[in-house]
Amino acid sequence: MRMARHVEELAARTPGKEALAIESFARALRQIPTIIADNGGYDSSQLVSELRAMHSQDQIYQGLNMVTGEVCTGTSAWSFLFVWYSPKQSEF
């Protein structure tokens, strides 16, 4: 969400046809949480609206927890990622 916002700001400052391509990329970035929630089998409209509301309040370290189907804080998101990565580390 934050990256999409910065890309949209860049598109606003960019003249010409390049701005259209940049805006399209920003829209694609905004769709990523929706696609992830849909693929997880959760109500993407509910989760993404909660996530957008939190990001608009500068709570930028929020993410989607696909195990519980909830919006989680950055701390729990990183610990969740680490838990899943740790056993796989030996396979690399």
C-alpha atoms as a PDB file:
ATOM      1  CA  MET A   1       0.000   0.000   0.000  1.00  0.00           C
ATOM      2  CA  ARG A   2       2.750   2.393   0.908  1.00  0.00           C
ATOM      3  CA  MET A   3       4.731   1.568  -2.195  1.00  0.00           C
ATOM      4  CA  ALA A   4       1.638   2.105  -4.341  1.00  0.00           C
ATOM      5  CA  ARG A   5       1.150   5.533  -2.777  1.00  0.00           C
ATOM      6  CA  HIS A   6       4.721   6.539  -3.610  1.00  0.00           C
ATOM      7  CA  VAL A   7       4.395   5.217  -7.142  1.00  0.00           C
ATOM      8  CA  GLU A   8       1.181   7.229  -7.604  1.00  0.00           C
ATOM      9  CA  GLU A   9       2.998  10.349  -6.390  1.00  0.00           C
ATOM     10  CA  LEU A  10       5.708   9.662  -8.944  1.00  0.00           C
ATOM     11  CA  ALA A  11       3.072   9.303 -11.668  1.00  0.00           C
ATOM     12  CA  ALA A  12       1.619  12.681 -10.725  1.00  0.00           C
ATOM     13  CA  ARG A  13       5.039  14.293 -11.238  1.00  0.00           C
ATOM     14  CA  THR A  14       5.789  12.466 -14.495  1.00  0.00           C
ATOM     15  CA  PRO A  15       4.679  14.028 -17.786  1.00  0.00           C
ATOM     16  CA  GLY A  16       3.517  12.164 -20.856  1.00  0.00           C
ATOM     17  CA  LYS A  17       2.624   8.572 -21.544  1.00  0.00           C
ATOM     18  CA  GLU A  18       5.052   7.326 -18.926  1.00  0.00           C
ATOM     19  CA  ALA A  19       2.630   8.586 -16.274  1.00  0.00           C
ATOM     20  CA  LEU A  20      -0.031   6.168 -17.535  1.00  0.00           C
ATOM     21  CA  ALA A  21       2.336   3.223 -17.231  1.00  0.00           C
ATOM     22  CA  ILE A  22       3.362   4.287 -13.740  1.00  0.00           C
ATOM     23  CA  GLU A  23      -0.287   4.662 -12.681  1.00  0.00           C
ATOM     24  CA  SER A  24      -1.029   1.173 -13.994  1.00  0.00           C
ATOM     25  CA  PHE A  25       1.848  -0.205 -11.960  1.00  0.00           C
ATOM     26  CA  ALA A  26       0.488   1.521  -8.841  1.00  0.00           C
ATOM     27  CA  ARG A  27      -2.935  -0.061  -9.448  1.00  0.00           C
ATOM     28  CA  ALA A  28      -1.282  -3.460  -9.799  1.00  0.00           C
ATOM     29  CA  LEU A  29       0.540  -2.962  -6.489  1.00  0.00           C
ATOM     30  CA  ARG A  30      -2.770  -2.110  -4.797  1.00  0.00           C
ATOM     31  CA  GLN A  31      -4.252  -5.396  -6.048  1.00  0.00           C
ATOM     32  CA  ILE A  32      -1.609  -7.625  -4.441  1.00  0.00           C
ATOM     33  CA  PRO A  33      -3.236  -7.816  -0.964  1.00  0.00           C
ATOM     34  CA  THR A  34      -6.628  -8.534  -2.560  1.00  0.00           C
ATOM     35  CA  ILE A  35      -5.203 -11.365  -4.644  1.00  0.00           C
ATOM     36  CA  ILE A  36      -3.368 -12.856  -1.660  1.00  0.00           C
ATOM     37  CA  ALA A  37      -6.506 -12.745   0.515  1.00  0.00           C
ATOM     38  CA  ASP A  38      -8.637 -14.252  -2.253  1.00  0.00           C
ATOM     39  CA  ASN A  39      -6.139 -17.055  -2.797  1.00  0.00           C
ATOM     40  CA  GLY A  40      -6.129 -17.687   0.948  1.00  0.00           C
ATOM     41  CA  GLY A  41      -9.890 -18.158   0.883  1.00  0.00           C
ATOM     42  CA  TYR A  42     -10.668 -15.108   3.016  1.00  0.00           C
ATOM     43  CA  ASP A  43     -13.024 -12.171   2.544  1.00  0.00           C
ATOM     44  CA  SER A  44     -10.633  -9.919   0.664  1.00  0.00           C
ATOM     45  CA  SER A  45     -12.915  -6.882   0.687  1.00  0.00           C
ATOM     46  CA  GLN A  46     -13.069  -6.898   4.505  1.00  0.00           C
ATOM     47  CA  LEU A  47      -9.368  -7.559   5.049  1.00  0.00           C
ATOM     48  CA  VAL A  48      -8.141  -5.071   2.455  1.00  0.00           C
ATOM     49  CA  SER A  49     -10.480  -2.326   3.679  1.00  0.00           C
ATOM     50  CA  GLU A  50      -9.144  -2.816   7.228  1.00  0.00           C
ATOM     51  CA  LEU A  51      -5.581  -2.800   5.908  1.00  0.00           C
ATOM     52  CA  ARG A  52      -6.142   0.373   3.866  1.00  0.00           C
ATOM     53  CA  ALA A  53      -7.730   2.106   6.851  1.00  0.00           C
ATOM     54  CA  MET A  54      -4.725   1.277   9.010  1.00  0.00           C
ATOM     55  CA  HIS A  55      -2.270   2.394   6.327  1.00  0.00           C
ATOM     56  CA  SER A  56      -4.148   5.676   5.908  1.00  0.00           C
ATOM     57  CA  GLN A  57      -3.601   6.280   9.634  1.00  0.00           C
ATOM     58  CA  ASP A  58       0.161   5.808   9.107  1.00  0.00           C
ATOM     59  CA  GLN A  59       0.137   2.331  10.641  1.00  0.00           C
ATOM     60  CA  ILE A  60       2.328   1.201   7.783  1.00  0.00           C
ATOM     61  CA  TYR A  61       3.690  -1.953   9.390  1.00  0.00           C
ATOM     62  CA  GLN A  62       0.372  -3.794   9.139  1.00  0.00           C
ATOM     63  CA  GLY A  63      -0.049  -6.807   6.905  1.00  0.00           C
ATOM     64  CA  LEU A  64      -2.243  -9.808   6.230  1.00  0.00           C
ATOM     65  CA  ASN A  65      -1.907 -12.978   8.267  1.00  0.00           C
ATOM     66  CA  MET A  66      -3.048 -15.785   6.001  1.00  0.00           C
ATOM     67  CA  VAL A  67      -3.125 -18.358   8.797  1.00  0.00           C
ATOM     68  CA  THR A  68      -5.717 -16.522  10.887  1.00  0.00           C
ATOM     69  CA  GLY A  69      -7.260 -14.372   8.154  1.00  0.00           C
ATOM     70  CA  GLU A  70      -6.670 -11.147  10.053  1.00  0.00           C
ATOM     71  CA  VAL A  71      -4.722  -7.929   9.684  1.00  0.00           C
ATOM     72  CA  CYS A  72      -1.613  -8.237  11.834  1.00  0.00           C
ATOM     73  CA  THR A  73       1.048  -5.897  13.090  1.00  0.00           C
ATOM     74  CA  GLY A  74       4.455  -5.763  11.503  1.00  0.00           C
ATOM     75  CA  THR A  75       6.022  -7.444  14.510  1.00  0.00           C
ATOM     76  CA  SER A  76       3.808 -10.499  14.273  1.00  0.00           C
ATOM     77  CA  ALA A  77       4.129 -10.522  10.494  1.00  0.00           C
ATOM     78  CA  TRP A  78       7.936 -10.655  10.723  1.00  0.00           C
ATOM     79  CA  SER A  79       7.875 -13.311  13.411  1.00  0.00           C
ATOM     80  CA  PHE A  80       5.412 -15.313  11.315  1.00  0.00           C
ATOM     81  CA  LEU A  81       7.680 -15.028   8.287  1.00  0.00           C
ATOM     82  CA  PHE A  82      10.687 -16.061  10.354  1.00  0.00           C
ATOM     83  CA  VAL A  83       8.867 -19.117  11.727  1.00  0.00           C
ATOM     84  CA  TRP A  84       8.080 -20.307   8.212  1.00  0.00           C
ATOM     85  CA  TYR A  85      11.529 -19.479   6.859  1.00  0.00           C
ATOM     86  CA  SER A  86      13.578 -21.098   9.643  1.00  0.00           C
ATOM     87  CA  PRO A  87      12.826 -24.758   8.821  1.00  0.00           C
ATOM     88  CA  LYS A  88      13.306 -24.095   5.128  1.00  0.00           C
ATOM     89  CA  GLN A  89      16.694 -22.490   5.667  1.00  0.00           C
ATOM     90  CA  SER A  90      18.408 -25.871   5.899  1.00  0.00           C
ATOM     91  CA  GLU A  91      16.962 -26.864   2.497  1.00  0.00           C
ATOM     92  CA  PHE A  92      18.681 -23.988   0.682  1.00  0.00           C
END
